[in-house]
Amino acid sequence: MPRNKKALESLHGLLIEELIARIRSGEATPTDLNVARQLLRDNSIDCAAVEGAPILKLAENLPFSDDEEEAA
């Protein structure tokens, strides 16, 4: 493995650990959350909205109503 690949893997791991720490501590800024979202997207990480999935809890708390969706 090339040396620079090891360095990039290390940086990737450090970034992930830092983002996890900030999110768990409650100190994550909107920018931190956006970086985490983009990191997941760039690495093809997604989720399905199946029963009991955390994504459903997020969706339930979004400030949108069914009436707004039907009007669009």
C-alpha atoms as a PDB file:
ATOM      1  CA  MET A   1       0.000   0.000   0.000  1.00  0.00           C
ATOM      2  CA  PRO A   2       1.469   3.400  -0.936  1.00  0.00           C
ATOM      3  CA  ARG A   3       2.455   5.549   2.007  1.00  0.00           C
ATOM      4  CA  ASN A   4       0.139   8.389   1.004  1.00  0.00           C
ATOM      5  CA  LYS A   5      -2.827   5.969   0.947  1.00  0.00           C
ATOM      6  CA  LYS A   6      -2.116   5.048   4.572  1.00  0.00           C
ATOM      7  CA  ALA A   7      -1.989   8.737   5.466  1.00  0.00           C
ATOM      8  CA  LEU A   8      -5.313   9.387   3.738  1.00  0.00           C
ATOM      9  CA  GLU A   9      -6.922   6.416   5.485  1.00  0.00           C
ATOM     10  CA  SER A  10      -5.629   7.716   8.795  1.00  0.00           C
ATOM     11  CA  LEU A  11      -6.985  11.204   8.103  1.00  0.00           C
ATOM     12  CA  HIS A  12     -10.340   9.730   7.081  1.00  0.00           C
ATOM     13  CA  GLY A  13     -10.507   7.769  10.333  1.00  0.00           C
ATOM     14  CA  LEU A  14      -9.559  10.789  12.436  1.00  0.00           C
ATOM     15  CA  LEU A  15     -12.189  12.935  10.736  1.00  0.00           C
ATOM     16  CA  ILE A  16     -14.868  10.332  11.378  1.00  0.00           C
ATOM     17  CA  GLU A  17     -13.899   9.967  15.046  1.00  0.00           C
ATOM     18  CA  GLU A  18     -13.909  13.754  15.522  1.00  0.00           C
ATOM     19  CA  LEU A  19     -17.322  14.098  13.926  1.00  0.00           C
ATOM     20  CA  ILE A  20     -18.714  11.295  16.084  1.00  0.00           C
ATOM     21  CA  ALA A  21     -17.306  12.933  19.221  1.00  0.00           C
ATOM     22  CA  ARG A  22     -18.807  16.317  18.363  1.00  0.00           C
ATOM     23  CA  ILE A  23     -22.206  14.876  17.530  1.00  0.00           C
ATOM     24  CA  ARG A  24     -22.355  12.707  20.668  1.00  0.00           C
ATOM     25  CA  SER A  25     -21.292  15.591  22.898  1.00  0.00           C
ATOM     26  CA  GLY A  26     -23.993  17.841  21.484  1.00  0.00           C
ATOM     27  CA  GLU A  27     -21.383  20.383  20.400  1.00  0.00           C
ATOM     28  CA  ALA A  28     -21.686  19.742  16.656  1.00  0.00           C
ATOM     29  CA  THR A  29     -22.330  22.874  14.637  1.00  0.00           C
ATOM     30  CA  PRO A  30     -24.537  22.924  11.554  1.00  0.00           C
ATOM     31  CA  THR A  31     -21.333  22.877   9.519  1.00  0.00           C
ATOM     32  CA  ASP A  32     -20.122  19.754  11.361  1.00  0.00           C
ATOM     33  CA  LEU A  33     -23.432  18.029  10.652  1.00  0.00           C
ATOM     34  CA  ASN A  34     -23.206  18.984   6.993  1.00  0.00           C
ATOM     35  CA  VAL A  35     -19.668  17.579   6.797  1.00  0.00           C
ATOM     36  CA  ALA A  36     -20.910  14.333   8.374  1.00  0.00           C
ATOM     37  CA  ARG A  37     -23.827  14.185   5.925  1.00  0.00           C
ATOM     38  CA  GLN A  38     -21.543  14.740   2.955  1.00  0.00           C
ATOM     39  CA  LEU A  39     -19.022  12.180   4.228  1.00  0.00           C
ATOM     40  CA  LEU A  40     -21.788   9.583   4.421  1.00  0.00           C
ATOM     41  CA  ARG A  41     -23.031  10.508   0.963  1.00  0.00           C
ATOM     42  CA  ASP A  42     -19.549  10.426  -0.567  1.00  0.00           C
ATOM     43  CA  ASN A  43     -19.074   6.925   0.845  1.00  0.00           C
ATOM     44  CA  SER A  44     -22.458   5.677  -0.439  1.00  0.00           C
ATOM     45  CA  ILE A  45     -23.927   5.302   3.040  1.00  0.00           C
ATOM     46  CA  ASP A  46     -27.696   5.607   3.075  1.00  0.00           C
ATOM     47  CA  CYS A  47     -30.602   4.294   5.074  1.00  0.00           C
ATOM     48  CA  ALA A  48     -34.072   2.969   4.531  1.00  0.00           C
ATOM     49  CA  ALA A  49     -37.062   4.328   6.380  1.00  0.00           C
ATOM     50  CA  VAL A  50     -38.169   1.025   7.861  1.00  0.00           C
ATOM     51  CA  GLU A  51     -40.103   0.693  11.085  1.00  0.00           C
ATOM     52  CA  GLY A  52     -37.931   1.614  14.073  1.00  0.00           C
ATOM     53  CA  ALA A  53     -35.245   3.323  11.972  1.00  0.00           C
ATOM     54  CA  PRO A  54     -33.807   6.531  13.470  1.00  0.00           C
ATOM     55  CA  ILE A  55     -34.499   8.334  10.185  1.00  0.00           C
ATOM     56  CA  LEU A  56     -38.228   8.043  10.903  1.00  0.00           C
ATOM     57  CA  LYS A  57     -37.791   9.874  14.205  1.00  0.00           C
ATOM     58  CA  LEU A  58     -36.062  12.659  12.313  1.00  0.00           C
ATOM     59  CA  ALA A  59     -38.825  12.792   9.695  1.00  0.00           C
ATOM     60  CA  GLU A  60     -41.501  12.949  12.400  1.00  0.00           C
ATOM     61  CA  ASN A  61     -39.864  16.057  13.846  1.00  0.00           C
ATOM     62  CA  LEU A  62     -39.520  18.023  10.622  1.00  0.00           C
ATOM     63  CA  PRO A  63     -41.694  21.143  10.562  1.00  0.00           C
ATOM     64  CA  PHE A  64     -43.788  20.092   7.544  1.00  0.00           C
ATOM     65  CA  SER A  65     -47.394  19.003   7.432  1.00  0.00           C
ATOM     66  CA  ASP A  66     -49.190  16.707   4.997  1.00  0.00           C
ATOM     67  CA  ASP A  67     -51.251  19.726   3.859  1.00  0.00           C
ATOM     68  CA  GLU A  68     -48.092  21.487   2.671  1.00  0.00           C
ATOM     69  CA  GLU A  69     -47.005  18.426   0.680  1.00  0.00           C
ATOM     70  CA  GLU A  70     -50.402  18.149  -1.065  1.00  0.00           C
ATOM     71  CA  ALA A  71     -50.331  21.848  -2.006  1.00  0.00           C
ATOM     72  CA  ALA A  72     -46.948  21.504  -3.739  1.00  0.00           C
END
